[in-house]
Amino acid sequence: MGRGDKKSAKGKRTIGSFGNTRSRKKIKARLKRVASVKKSATTSGDAKPKTKRVVKKKDSAE
């Protein structure tokens, strides 16, 4: 299973073909999802940043 293998995604990339292992629809859908997540993350940057929670230390029971 390497670069020359026609059935693996790595082999498909090397050969430059698309198939069941590396279909164009799946790749384009994944790129769309990533782009929409990045876009939504930048637009929500105007909101307040989360504050750190401070945990109080327990008094030692002596």
Protein backbone atom coordinates (compact mmCIF):
# COMPACT_ATOMS: atom_id res chain seq x y z
CA MET A 1 0.00 0.00 0.00
CA GLY A 2 1.98 2.92 -1.22
CA ARG A 3 2.39 5.42 -3.97
CA GLY A 4 2.01 2.91 -6.78
CA ASP A 5 -1.09 1.26 -5.37
CA LYS A 6 -4.14 2.06 -7.50
CA LYS A 7 -6.58 1.26 -4.67
CA SER A 8 -5.19 3.56 -1.98
CA ALA A 9 -5.78 7.30 -1.71
CA LYS A 10 -2.03 7.91 -1.78
CA GLY A 11 -1.74 5.94 -5.01
CA LYS A 12 -4.66 7.84 -6.52
CA ARG A 13 -2.94 11.15 -5.68
CA THR A 14 0.32 9.99 -7.26
CA ILE A 15 -1.36 8.70 -10.40
CA GLY A 16 -3.61 11.78 -10.51
CA SER A 17 -6.88 9.89 -10.79
CA PHE A 18 -10.08 10.00 -8.81
CA GLY A 19 -12.10 6.96 -7.81
CA ASN A 20 -14.04 5.40 -4.95
CA THR A 21 -11.14 5.91 -2.58
CA ARG A 22 -10.62 9.54 -3.56
CA SER A 23 -13.83 10.94 -5.00
CA ARG A 24 -14.11 14.58 -6.03
CA LYS A 25 -17.49 15.07 -4.36
CA LYS A 26 -16.15 14.05 -0.96
CA ILE A 27 -13.08 16.29 -1.30
CA LYS A 28 -15.12 19.33 -2.36
CA ALA A 29 -17.66 18.77 0.44
CA ARG A 30 -14.85 18.57 3.01
CA LEU A 31 -13.27 21.79 1.71
CA LYS A 32 -16.64 23.56 1.88
CA ARG A 33 -17.15 22.48 5.50
CA VAL A 34 -13.68 23.65 6.52
CA ALA A 35 -14.18 27.01 4.81
CA SER A 36 -17.55 27.57 6.49
CA VAL A 37 -16.12 26.68 9.92
CA LYS A 38 -13.24 29.13 9.47
CA LYS A 39 -15.61 31.85 8.27
CA SER A 40 -17.96 31.41 11.24
CA ALA A 41 -15.03 31.38 13.67
CA THR A 42 -13.77 34.75 12.40
CA THR A 43 -17.20 36.38 12.55
CA SER A 44 -17.79 35.27 16.13
CA GLY A 45 -14.46 36.81 17.16
CA ASP A 46 -16.26 40.04 18.11
CA ALA A 47 -17.82 38.35 21.15
CA LYS A 48 -16.26 38.52 24.60
CA PRO A 49 -13.36 36.17 25.16
CA LYS A 50 -13.99 33.44 27.72
CA THR A 51 -12.75 34.19 31.21
CA LYS A 52 -10.68 31.70 33.11
CA ARG A 53 -12.35 29.94 36.01
CA VAL A 54 -10.57 30.33 39.29
CA VAL A 55 -10.72 27.34 41.60
CA LYS A 56 -10.54 28.08 45.29
CA LYS A 57 -8.15 25.95 47.29
CA LYS A 58 -9.69 23.93 50.10
CA ASP A 59 -8.63 24.68 53.66
CA SER A 60 -6.75 21.81 55.15
CA ALA A 61 -8.73 20.15 57.97
CA GLU A 62 -6.37 19.68 60.86
